[in-house]
Amino acid sequence: MELLQAKDATIEFDEMIRFEPEVFSKMHQIRGLQDVTVSGNVHYEASSERVFADLDIEGVMIVPCSITLEDVEYDFHTKSLEVFSFEKTDDEDVHEVKGDVVELLPVIFQLIVMEVPLKIVKEGLTQYPKGDGWEVVKEEDYIKEKSKEIDPRLAKLKEFKLED
């Protein structure tokens, strides 16, 4: 797309994008992305030498289950207005363009990473992992079990009987 030829015009787009598997090799929070669609428009404002990208991003990310570490598909959708400047700026919300090419892909990936859920549990999980001397339990079950236990320091008081 040639924005400079557009002269204060807006270029609309609706594209499917793909990220190579190598992108996720060093990431533990995302294992993959599927069906990522980016739509929106890009507008060049000659007076300020800035490019405004109105992005609407949606797709499916593959993330690990917080309990079993199995793959879980998570639908995401985010919108953002990103500003790019061809001149040096101190504004941290403005992306500085190196050369004369506005690279949207790194910004799109950064926006997707910000949509990763902090905790996700595989739907329909009934059995939690366990091993020799350990097991994962639900928080509610842990609290219920803990409330039944008597503090060993106070266990002797159970035998104490008051006389009238």
N, C-alpha and C. Protein backbone atom coordinates (compact mmCIF):
# COMPACT_ATOMS: atom_id res chain seq x y z
N MET A 1 0.85 -1.18 0.00
CA MET A 1 0.00 0.00 0.00
C MET A 1 0.89 1.24 0.00
N GLU A 2 0.59 2.15 -0.82
CA GLU A 2 1.37 3.37 -0.93
C GLU A 2 0.59 4.53 -0.31
N LEU A 3 0.88 4.81 0.97
CA LEU A 3 0.15 5.85 1.69
C LEU A 3 0.46 7.24 1.18
N LEU A 4 1.71 7.47 0.81
CA LEU A 4 2.09 8.82 0.39
C LEU A 4 1.36 9.24 -0.88
N GLN A 5 1.02 8.29 -1.72
CA GLN A 5 0.28 8.61 -2.93
C GLN A 5 -1.19 8.88 -2.61
N ALA A 6 -1.65 8.40 -1.48
CA ALA A 6 -3.06 8.56 -1.12
C ALA A 6 -3.38 9.99 -0.69
N LYS A 7 -2.40 10.76 -0.22
CA LYS A 7 -2.57 12.17 0.18
C LYS A 7 -3.80 12.39 1.06
N ASP A 8 -3.62 12.22 2.33
CA ASP A 8 -4.68 12.39 3.33
C ASP A 8 -5.89 11.50 3.10
N ALA A 9 -5.71 10.43 2.36
CA ALA A 9 -6.80 9.48 2.14
C ALA A 9 -6.68 8.33 3.13
N THR A 10 -7.70 7.54 3.18
CA THR A 10 -7.73 6.39 4.07
C THR A 10 -7.72 5.12 3.23
N ILE A 11 -6.89 4.19 3.63
CA ILE A 11 -6.83 2.89 2.96
C ILE A 11 -7.45 1.86 3.89
N GLU A 12 -8.46 1.17 3.44
CA GLU A 12 -9.13 0.15 4.24
C GLU A 12 -8.56 -1.22 3.91
N PHE A 13 -8.59 -2.12 4.89
CA PHE A 13 -8.08 -3.48 4.67
C PHE A 13 -8.83 -4.48 5.53
N ASP A 14 -8.79 -5.73 5.11
CA ASP A 14 -9.36 -6.86 5.85
C ASP A 14 -8.53 -8.07 5.43
N GLU A 15 -7.61 -8.47 6.28
CA GLU A 15 -6.63 -9.50 5.91
C GLU A 15 -6.55 -10.62 6.94
N MET A 16 -6.32 -11.82 6.44
CA MET A 16 -5.97 -12.96 7.31
C MET A 16 -4.45 -12.94 7.42
N ILE A 17 -3.93 -13.08 8.63
CA ILE A 17 -2.47 -13.12 8.77
C ILE A 17 -2.06 -14.40 9.48
N ARG A 18 -0.83 -14.80 9.21
CA ARG A 18 -0.29 -16.04 9.77
C ARG A 18 1.04 -15.72 10.45
N PHE A 19 1.26 -16.33 11.59
CA PHE A 19 2.53 -16.19 12.29
C PHE A 19 3.26 -17.52 12.22
N GLU A 20 4.53 -17.47 11.93
CA GLU A 20 5.35 -18.69 11.82
C GLU A 20 5.49 -19.34 13.20
N PRO A 21 5.56 -20.68 13.26
CA PRO A 21 5.69 -21.39 14.55
C PRO A 21 6.92 -20.96 15.35
N GLU A 22 7.98 -20.52 14.68
CA GLU A 22 9.20 -20.10 15.39
C GLU A 22 8.94 -18.92 16.32
N VAL A 23 7.93 -18.13 16.02
CA VAL A 23 7.60 -16.97 16.85
C VAL A 23 7.24 -17.40 18.27
N PHE A 24 6.67 -18.60 18.41
CA PHE A 24 6.19 -19.06 19.71
C PHE A 24 7.18 -19.97 20.43
N SER A 25 8.31 -20.27 19.81
CA SER A 25 9.25 -21.24 20.38
C SER A 25 9.81 -20.81 21.74
N LYS A 26 9.96 -19.52 21.97
CA LYS A 26 10.51 -19.05 23.24
C LYS A 26 9.44 -18.44 24.15
N MET A 27 8.19 -18.59 23.77
CA MET A 27 7.10 -18.04 24.57
C MET A 27 6.39 -19.17 25.31
N HIS A 28 6.12 -18.98 26.57
CA HIS A 28 5.39 -20.01 27.30
C HIS A 28 3.90 -19.69 27.40
N GLN A 29 3.51 -18.43 27.16
CA GLN A 29 2.10 -18.07 27.35
C GLN A 29 1.24 -18.27 26.10
N ILE A 30 1.85 -18.33 24.91
CA ILE A 30 1.10 -18.61 23.68
C ILE A 30 1.80 -19.73 22.94
N ARG A 31 1.04 -20.74 22.55
CA ARG A 31 1.62 -21.86 21.79
C ARG A 31 1.32 -21.76 20.30
N GLY A 32 0.36 -20.93 19.94
CA GLY A 32 0.03 -20.77 18.53
C GLY A 32 -1.14 -19.83 18.33
N LEU A 33 -1.33 -19.42 17.07
CA LEU A 33 -2.44 -18.55 16.70
C LEU A 33 -3.11 -19.13 15.46
N GLN A 34 -4.43 -19.06 15.43
CA GLN A 34 -5.19 -19.56 14.28
C GLN A 34 -6.22 -18.53 13.86
N ASP A 35 -6.54 -18.53 12.58
CA ASP A 35 -7.63 -17.70 12.04
C ASP A 35 -7.55 -16.24 12.48
N VAL A 36 -6.36 -15.66 12.44
CA VAL A 36 -6.19 -14.26 12.85
C VAL A 36 -6.59 -13.35 11.69
N THR A 37 -7.57 -12.51 11.95
CA THR A 37 -8.05 -11.55 10.96
C THR A 37 -7.80 -10.14 11.49
N VAL A 38 -7.22 -9.31 10.65
CA VAL A 38 -6.99 -7.91 11.00
C VAL A 38 -7.73 -7.06 9.97
N SER A 39 -8.61 -6.22 10.48
CA SER A 39 -9.33 -5.31 9.58
C SER A 39 -9.22 -3.90 10.15
N GLY A 40 -9.54 -2.95 9.33
CA GLY A 40 -9.48 -1.56 9.78
C GLY A 40 -9.06 -0.65 8.66
N ASN A 41 -8.39 0.44 9.05
CA ASN A 41 -7.93 1.38 8.03
C ASN A 41 -6.65 2.06 8.49
N VAL A 42 -5.94 2.58 7.51
CA VAL A 42 -4.70 3.31 7.75
C VAL A 42 -4.86 4.67 7.09
N HIS A 43 -4.53 5.71 7.85
CA HIS A 43 -4.70 7.07 7.35
C HIS A 43 -3.39 7.83 7.52
N TYR A 44 -2.91 8.46 6.46
CA TYR A 44 -1.70 9.28 6.53
C TYR A 44 -2.10 10.74 6.60
N GLU A 45 -1.57 11.42 7.61
CA GLU A 45 -1.84 12.84 7.78
C GLU A 45 -0.56 13.59 7.45
N ALA A 46 -0.52 14.21 6.29
CA ALA A 46 0.70 14.87 5.80
C ALA A 46 1.15 16.02 6.69
N SER A 47 0.21 16.76 7.26
CA SER A 47 0.57 17.93 8.07
C SER A 47 1.37 17.57 9.31
N SER A 48 1.08 16.42 9.91
CA SER A 48 1.80 16.00 11.12
C SER A 48 2.82 14.90 10.84
N GLU A 49 2.87 14.44 9.59
CA GLU A 49 3.76 13.34 9.20
C GLU A 49 3.52 12.11 10.08
N ARG A 50 2.25 11.82 10.30
CA ARG A 50 1.88 10.67 11.13
C ARG A 50 0.93 9.75 10.37
N VAL A 51 1.01 8.48 10.74
CA VAL A 51 0.11 7.47 10.19
C VAL A 51 -0.75 6.97 11.34
N PHE A 52 -2.05 6.92 11.13
CA PHE A 52 -2.98 6.43 12.13
C PHE A 52 -3.54 5.10 11.63
N ALA A 53 -3.36 4.06 12.42
CA ALA A 53 -3.85 2.73 12.05
C ALA A 53 -4.94 2.33 13.03
N ASP A 54 -6.15 2.22 12.54
CA ASP A 54 -7.30 1.78 13.34
C ASP A 54 -7.43 0.28 13.10
N LEU A 55 -7.09 -0.53 14.11
CA LEU A 55 -7.00 -1.98 13.96
C LEU A 55 -8.10 -2.70 14.72
N ASP A 56 -8.65 -3.72 14.10
CA ASP A 56 -9.62 -4.61 14.71
C ASP A 56 -9.08 -6.02 14.49
N ILE A 57 -8.64 -6.66 15.57
CA ILE A 57 -7.94 -7.94 15.48
C ILE A 57 -8.75 -9.01 16.19
N GLU A 58 -8.95 -10.14 15.52
CA GLU A 58 -9.61 -11.27 16.18
C GLU A 58 -9.04 -12.57 15.66
N GLY A 59 -9.19 -13.60 16.48
CA GLY A 59 -8.68 -14.91 16.11
C GLY A 59 -8.76 -15.87 17.27
N VAL A 60 -7.99 -16.94 17.17
CA VAL A 60 -7.96 -17.97 18.20
C VAL A 60 -6.50 -18.17 18.61
N MET A 61 -6.24 -18.09 19.91
CA MET A 61 -4.89 -18.38 20.39
C MET A 61 -4.90 -19.72 21.12
N ILE A 62 -3.80 -20.43 20.99
CA ILE A 62 -3.62 -21.70 21.69
C ILE A 62 -2.75 -21.39 22.90
N VAL A 63 -3.32 -21.58 24.10
CA VAL A 63 -2.62 -21.29 25.35
C VAL A 63 -2.65 -22.53 26.24
N PRO A 64 -1.69 -22.64 27.17
CA PRO A 64 -1.68 -23.80 28.06
C PRO A 64 -2.71 -23.65 29.19
N CYS A 65 -3.37 -24.77 29.51
CA CYS A 65 -4.29 -24.81 30.65
C CYS A 65 -3.47 -24.54 31.92
N SER A 66 -3.98 -23.71 32.81
CA SER A 66 -3.27 -23.36 34.03
C SER A 66 -3.08 -24.54 34.97
N ILE A 67 -3.87 -25.59 34.80
CA ILE A 67 -3.78 -26.74 35.70
C ILE A 67 -3.06 -27.90 35.05
N THR A 68 -3.46 -28.27 33.83
CA THR A 68 -2.91 -29.47 33.20
C THR A 68 -1.82 -29.18 32.16
N LEU A 69 -1.68 -27.93 31.77
CA LEU A 69 -0.76 -27.50 30.71
C LEU A 69 -1.13 -28.04 29.33
N GLU A 70 -2.34 -28.60 29.19
CA GLU A 70 -2.82 -29.04 27.89
C GLU A 70 -3.22 -27.82 27.07
N ASP A 71 -3.19 -27.96 25.74
CA ASP A 71 -3.57 -26.86 24.86
C ASP A 71 -5.06 -26.52 25.01
N VAL A 72 -5.35 -25.23 25.08
CA VAL A 72 -6.72 -24.73 25.16
C VAL A 72 -6.88 -23.65 24.09
N GLU A 73 -7.95 -23.73 23.32
CA GLU A 73 -8.24 -22.70 22.33
C GLU A 73 -8.99 -21.56 23.02
N TYR A 74 -8.50 -20.35 22.81
CA TYR A 74 -9.08 -19.16 23.44
C TYR A 74 -9.36 -18.11 22.36
N ASP A 75 -10.64 -17.77 22.17
CA ASP A 75 -11.02 -16.74 21.20
C ASP A 75 -10.66 -15.37 21.76
N PHE A 76 -10.08 -14.53 20.92
CA PHE A 76 -9.75 -13.17 21.36
C PHE A 76 -10.24 -12.16 20.33
N HIS A 77 -10.45 -10.95 20.81
CA HIS A 77 -10.86 -9.84 19.95
C HIS A 77 -10.38 -8.56 20.61
N THR A 78 -9.69 -7.72 19.86
CA THR A 78 -9.21 -6.46 20.41
C THR A 78 -9.25 -5.38 19.34
N LYS A 79 -9.41 -4.16 19.79
CA LYS A 79 -9.40 -3.00 18.90
C LYS A 79 -8.36 -2.02 19.43
N SER A 80 -7.71 -1.32 18.51
CA SER A 80 -6.71 -0.35 18.93
C SER A 80 -6.48 0.69 17.85
N LEU A 81 -6.19 1.90 18.28
CA LEU A 81 -5.78 2.96 17.37
C LEU A 81 -4.31 3.21 17.62
N GLU A 82 -3.48 2.88 16.67
CA GLU A 82 -2.03 3.03 16.80
C GLU A 82 -1.56 4.21 15.97
N VAL A 83 -0.60 4.95 16.51
CA VAL A 83 -0.08 6.13 15.84
C VAL A 83 1.40 5.91 15.53
N PHE A 84 1.79 6.20 14.29
CA PHE A 84 3.17 6.05 13.84
C PHE A 84 3.67 7.42 13.38
N SER A 85 4.91 7.75 13.75
CA SER A 85 5.48 9.04 13.36
C SER A 85 6.76 8.82 12.56
N PHE A 86 6.92 9.64 11.52
CA PHE A 86 8.14 9.58 10.71
C PHE A 86 9.23 10.47 11.32
N GLU A 87 8.87 11.24 12.33
CA GLU A 87 9.82 12.11 13.02
C GLU A 87 10.03 11.60 14.43
N LYS A 88 11.21 11.87 15.00
CA LYS A 88 11.52 11.43 16.36
C LYS A 88 10.55 12.09 17.33
N THR A 89 10.08 11.29 18.28
CA THR A 89 9.11 11.80 19.26
C THR A 89 9.40 11.20 20.63
N ASP A 90 9.05 11.96 21.68
CA ASP A 90 9.21 11.48 23.05
C ASP A 90 7.94 10.82 23.57
N ASP A 91 6.88 10.90 22.80
CA ASP A 91 5.60 10.32 23.19
C ASP A 91 5.68 8.80 23.12
N GLU A 92 5.55 8.15 24.27
CA GLU A 92 5.69 6.68 24.31
C GLU A 92 4.51 5.95 23.66
N ASP A 93 3.43 6.65 23.40
CA ASP A 93 2.28 6.03 22.74
C ASP A 93 2.36 6.10 21.22
N VAL A 94 3.41 6.72 20.71
CA VAL A 94 3.60 6.86 19.27
C VAL A 94 4.77 5.99 18.84
N HIS A 95 4.54 5.16 17.82
CA HIS A 95 5.60 4.29 17.29
C HIS A 95 6.44 5.08 16.30
N GLU A 96 7.74 5.04 16.49
CA GLU A 96 8.64 5.74 15.58
C GLU A 96 8.93 4.84 14.38
N VAL A 97 8.73 5.37 13.18
CA VAL A 97 8.94 4.62 11.95
C VAL A 97 10.41 4.72 11.55
N LYS A 98 11.03 3.58 11.35
CA LYS A 98 12.41 3.53 10.87
C LYS A 98 12.36 3.45 9.35
N GLY A 99 12.93 4.41 8.68
CA GLY A 99 12.89 4.43 7.22
C GLY A 99 11.55 4.97 6.75
N ASP A 100 11.03 4.36 5.68
CA ASP A 100 9.76 4.85 5.14
C ASP A 100 8.68 3.78 5.08
N VAL A 101 8.87 2.69 5.86
CA VAL A 101 7.91 1.59 5.86
C VAL A 101 7.29 1.46 7.26
N VAL A 102 5.97 1.50 7.31
CA VAL A 102 5.25 1.30 8.57
C VAL A 102 5.02 -0.20 8.73
N GLU A 103 5.66 -0.80 9.74
CA GLU A 103 5.54 -2.23 9.99
C GLU A 103 4.41 -2.47 10.99
N LEU A 104 3.30 -2.99 10.52
CA LEU A 104 2.15 -3.25 11.40
C LEU A 104 2.26 -4.58 12.12
N LEU A 105 2.91 -5.58 11.53
CA LEU A 105 2.92 -6.93 12.09
C LEU A 105 3.46 -6.99 13.53
N PRO A 106 4.60 -6.36 13.86
CA PRO A 106 5.06 -6.40 15.26
C PRO A 106 4.07 -5.77 16.23
N VAL A 107 3.41 -4.70 15.80
CA VAL A 107 2.42 -4.03 16.66
C VAL A 107 1.21 -4.93 16.85
N ILE A 108 0.78 -5.58 15.78
CA ILE A 108 -0.36 -6.50 15.86
C ILE A 108 -0.03 -7.64 16.81
N PHE A 109 1.17 -8.20 16.71
CA PHE A 109 1.57 -9.30 17.60
C PHE A 109 1.59 -8.84 19.05
N GLN A 110 2.10 -7.64 19.30
CA GLN A 110 2.14 -7.09 20.66
C GLN A 110 0.72 -6.94 21.22
N LEU A 111 -0.21 -6.48 20.39
CA LEU A 111 -1.60 -6.33 20.83
C LEU A 111 -2.23 -7.68 21.15
N ILE A 112 -1.88 -8.71 20.37
CA ILE A 112 -2.40 -10.06 20.63
C ILE A 112 -1.85 -10.59 21.95
N VAL A 113 -0.55 -10.39 22.19
CA VAL A 113 0.08 -10.87 23.44
C VAL A 113 -0.59 -10.22 24.65
N MET A 114 -1.01 -8.98 24.52
CA MET A 114 -1.68 -8.31 25.65
C MET A 114 -3.05 -8.91 25.94
N GLU A 115 -3.59 -9.71 25.03
CA GLU A 115 -4.90 -10.34 25.22
C GLU A 115 -4.81 -11.73 25.86
N VAL A 116 -3.59 -12.21 26.12
CA VAL A 116 -3.42 -13.54 26.71
C VAL A 116 -4.03 -13.53 28.12
N PRO A 117 -4.92 -14.49 28.42
CA PRO A 117 -5.51 -14.52 29.76
C PRO A 117 -4.47 -14.91 30.81
N LEU A 118 -4.60 -14.36 32.01
CA LEU A 118 -3.67 -14.70 33.09
C LEU A 118 -3.85 -16.14 33.53
N LYS A 119 -5.10 -16.60 33.52
CA LYS A 119 -5.40 -17.96 33.95
C LYS A 119 -6.54 -18.48 33.09
N ILE A 120 -6.36 -19.69 32.57
CA ILE A 120 -7.43 -20.33 31.80
C ILE A 120 -7.41 -21.81 32.14
N VAL A 121 -8.60 -22.36 32.35
CA VAL A 121 -8.73 -23.78 32.70
C VAL A 121 -9.53 -24.46 31.60
N LYS A 122 -9.04 -25.61 31.19
CA LYS A 122 -9.69 -26.37 30.13
C LYS A 122 -11.13 -26.68 30.53
N GLU A 123 -12.05 -26.43 29.61
CA GLU A 123 -13.47 -26.65 29.88
C GLU A 123 -13.74 -28.13 30.14
N GLY A 124 -14.59 -28.40 31.13
CA GLY A 124 -14.99 -29.78 31.43
C GLY A 124 -13.94 -30.58 32.20
N LEU A 125 -12.97 -29.91 32.78
CA LEU A 125 -11.92 -30.61 33.52
C LEU A 125 -12.51 -31.19 34.80
N THR A 126 -12.47 -32.52 34.93
CA THR A 126 -13.01 -33.18 36.13
C THR A 126 -11.90 -33.83 36.94
N GLN A 127 -10.89 -34.35 36.29
CA GLN A 127 -9.79 -34.98 37.00
C GLN A 127 -8.59 -34.05 36.99
N TYR A 128 -8.07 -33.80 38.17
CA TYR A 128 -6.91 -32.95 38.29
C TYR A 128 -5.66 -33.82 38.36
N PRO A 129 -4.53 -33.32 37.90
CA PRO A 129 -3.31 -34.13 37.91
C PRO A 129 -2.87 -34.47 39.33
N LYS A 130 -2.25 -35.65 39.47
CA LYS A 130 -1.69 -36.05 40.75
C LYS A 130 -0.55 -37.01 40.49
N GLY A 131 0.28 -37.18 41.48
CA GLY A 131 1.43 -38.06 41.35
C GLY A 131 1.78 -38.66 42.70
N ASP A 132 2.99 -39.15 42.82
CA ASP A 132 3.45 -39.79 44.05
C ASP A 132 3.66 -38.74 45.14
N GLY A 133 2.71 -38.64 46.05
CA GLY A 133 2.83 -37.72 47.17
C GLY A 133 2.32 -36.31 46.90
N TRP A 134 1.70 -36.08 45.75
CA TRP A 134 1.17 -34.75 45.47
C TRP A 134 -0.09 -34.86 44.61
N GLU A 135 -0.92 -33.82 44.69
CA GLU A 135 -2.09 -33.73 43.83
C GLU A 135 -2.55 -32.28 43.75
N VAL A 136 -3.16 -31.94 42.64
CA VAL A 136 -3.73 -30.61 42.47
C VAL A 136 -5.19 -30.70 42.91
N VAL A 137 -5.60 -29.77 43.79
CA VAL A 137 -6.98 -29.76 44.28
C VAL A 137 -7.61 -28.40 44.00
N LYS A 138 -8.93 -28.39 43.93
CA LYS A 138 -9.66 -27.13 43.77
C LYS A 138 -9.49 -26.31 45.04
N GLU A 139 -9.50 -25.01 44.91
CA GLU A 139 -9.34 -24.13 46.06
C GLU A 139 -10.47 -24.34 47.06
N GLU A 140 -11.70 -24.53 46.56
CA GLU A 140 -12.83 -24.74 47.47
C GLU A 140 -12.64 -26.01 48.30
N ASP A 141 -12.15 -27.09 47.65
CA ASP A 141 -11.91 -28.35 48.36
C ASP A 141 -10.81 -28.18 49.40
N TYR A 142 -9.79 -27.42 49.07
CA TYR A 142 -8.69 -27.19 50.00
C TYR A 142 -9.18 -26.44 51.23
N ILE A 143 -9.98 -25.41 51.02
CA ILE A 143 -10.49 -24.61 52.15
C ILE A 143 -11.41 -25.46 53.02
N LYS A 144 -12.26 -26.28 52.40
CA LYS A 144 -13.17 -27.15 53.14
C LYS A 144 -12.38 -28.14 53.99
N GLU A 145 -11.36 -28.75 53.41
CA GLU A 145 -10.53 -29.73 54.12
C GLU A 145 -9.75 -29.07 55.25
N LYS A 146 -9.25 -27.87 54.99
CA LYS A 146 -8.46 -27.16 55.99
C LYS A 146 -9.32 -26.77 57.19
N SER A 147 -10.60 -26.43 56.95
CA SER A 147 -11.47 -26.02 58.05
C SER A 147 -11.82 -27.19 58.97
N LYS A 148 -11.73 -28.42 58.46
CA LYS A 148 -12.02 -29.61 59.27
C LYS A 148 -10.87 -29.96 60.20
N GLU A 149 -9.66 -29.59 59.81
CA GLU A 149 -8.48 -29.94 60.61
C GLU A 149 -8.43 -29.11 61.89
N ILE A 150 -7.91 -29.74 62.94
CA ILE A 150 -7.73 -29.05 64.21
C ILE A 150 -6.24 -28.76 64.36
N ASP A 151 -5.94 -27.56 64.82
CA ASP A 151 -4.56 -27.17 65.05
C ASP A 151 -3.96 -28.14 66.08
N PRO A 152 -2.85 -28.82 65.75
CA PRO A 152 -2.26 -29.80 66.68
C PRO A 152 -1.91 -29.20 68.04
N ARG A 153 -1.64 -27.91 68.08
CA ARG A 153 -1.32 -27.27 69.37
C ARG A 153 -2.54 -27.18 70.27
N LEU A 154 -3.74 -27.23 69.64
CA LEU A 154 -4.97 -27.12 70.42
C LEU A 154 -5.70 -28.46 70.55
N ALA A 155 -5.15 -29.51 69.99
CA ALA A 155 -5.81 -30.82 69.99
C ALA A 155 -6.03 -31.34 71.41
N LYS A 156 -5.11 -31.08 72.32
CA LYS A 156 -5.24 -31.55 73.71
C LYS A 156 -6.45 -30.94 74.40
N LEU A 157 -6.84 -29.73 73.99
CA LEU A 157 -7.99 -29.07 74.61
C LEU A 157 -9.29 -29.81 74.33
N LYS A 158 -9.31 -30.63 73.30
CA LYS A 158 -10.50 -31.39 72.96
C LYS A 158 -10.84 -32.38 74.07
N GLU A 159 -9.80 -32.87 74.74
CA GLU A 159 -10.00 -33.84 75.81
C GLU A 159 -10.43 -33.16 77.12
N PHE A 160 -10.22 -31.89 77.23
CA PHE A 160 -10.52 -31.15 78.44
C PHE A 160 -12.03 -31.01 78.62
N LYS A 161 -12.52 -31.38 79.83
CA LYS A 161 -13.95 -31.28 80.13
C LYS A 161 -14.13 -30.35 81.32
N LEU A 162 -15.06 -29.47 81.18
CA LEU A 162 -15.36 -28.53 82.26
C LEU A 162 -16.29 -29.20 83.27
N GLU A 163 -16.00 -28.98 84.54
CA GLU A 163 -16.87 -29.52 85.59
C GLU A 163 -17.76 -28.41 86.10
N ASP A 164 -19.02 -28.72 86.29
CA ASP A 164 -19.98 -27.73 86.80
C ASP A 164 -19.93 -27.63 88.28
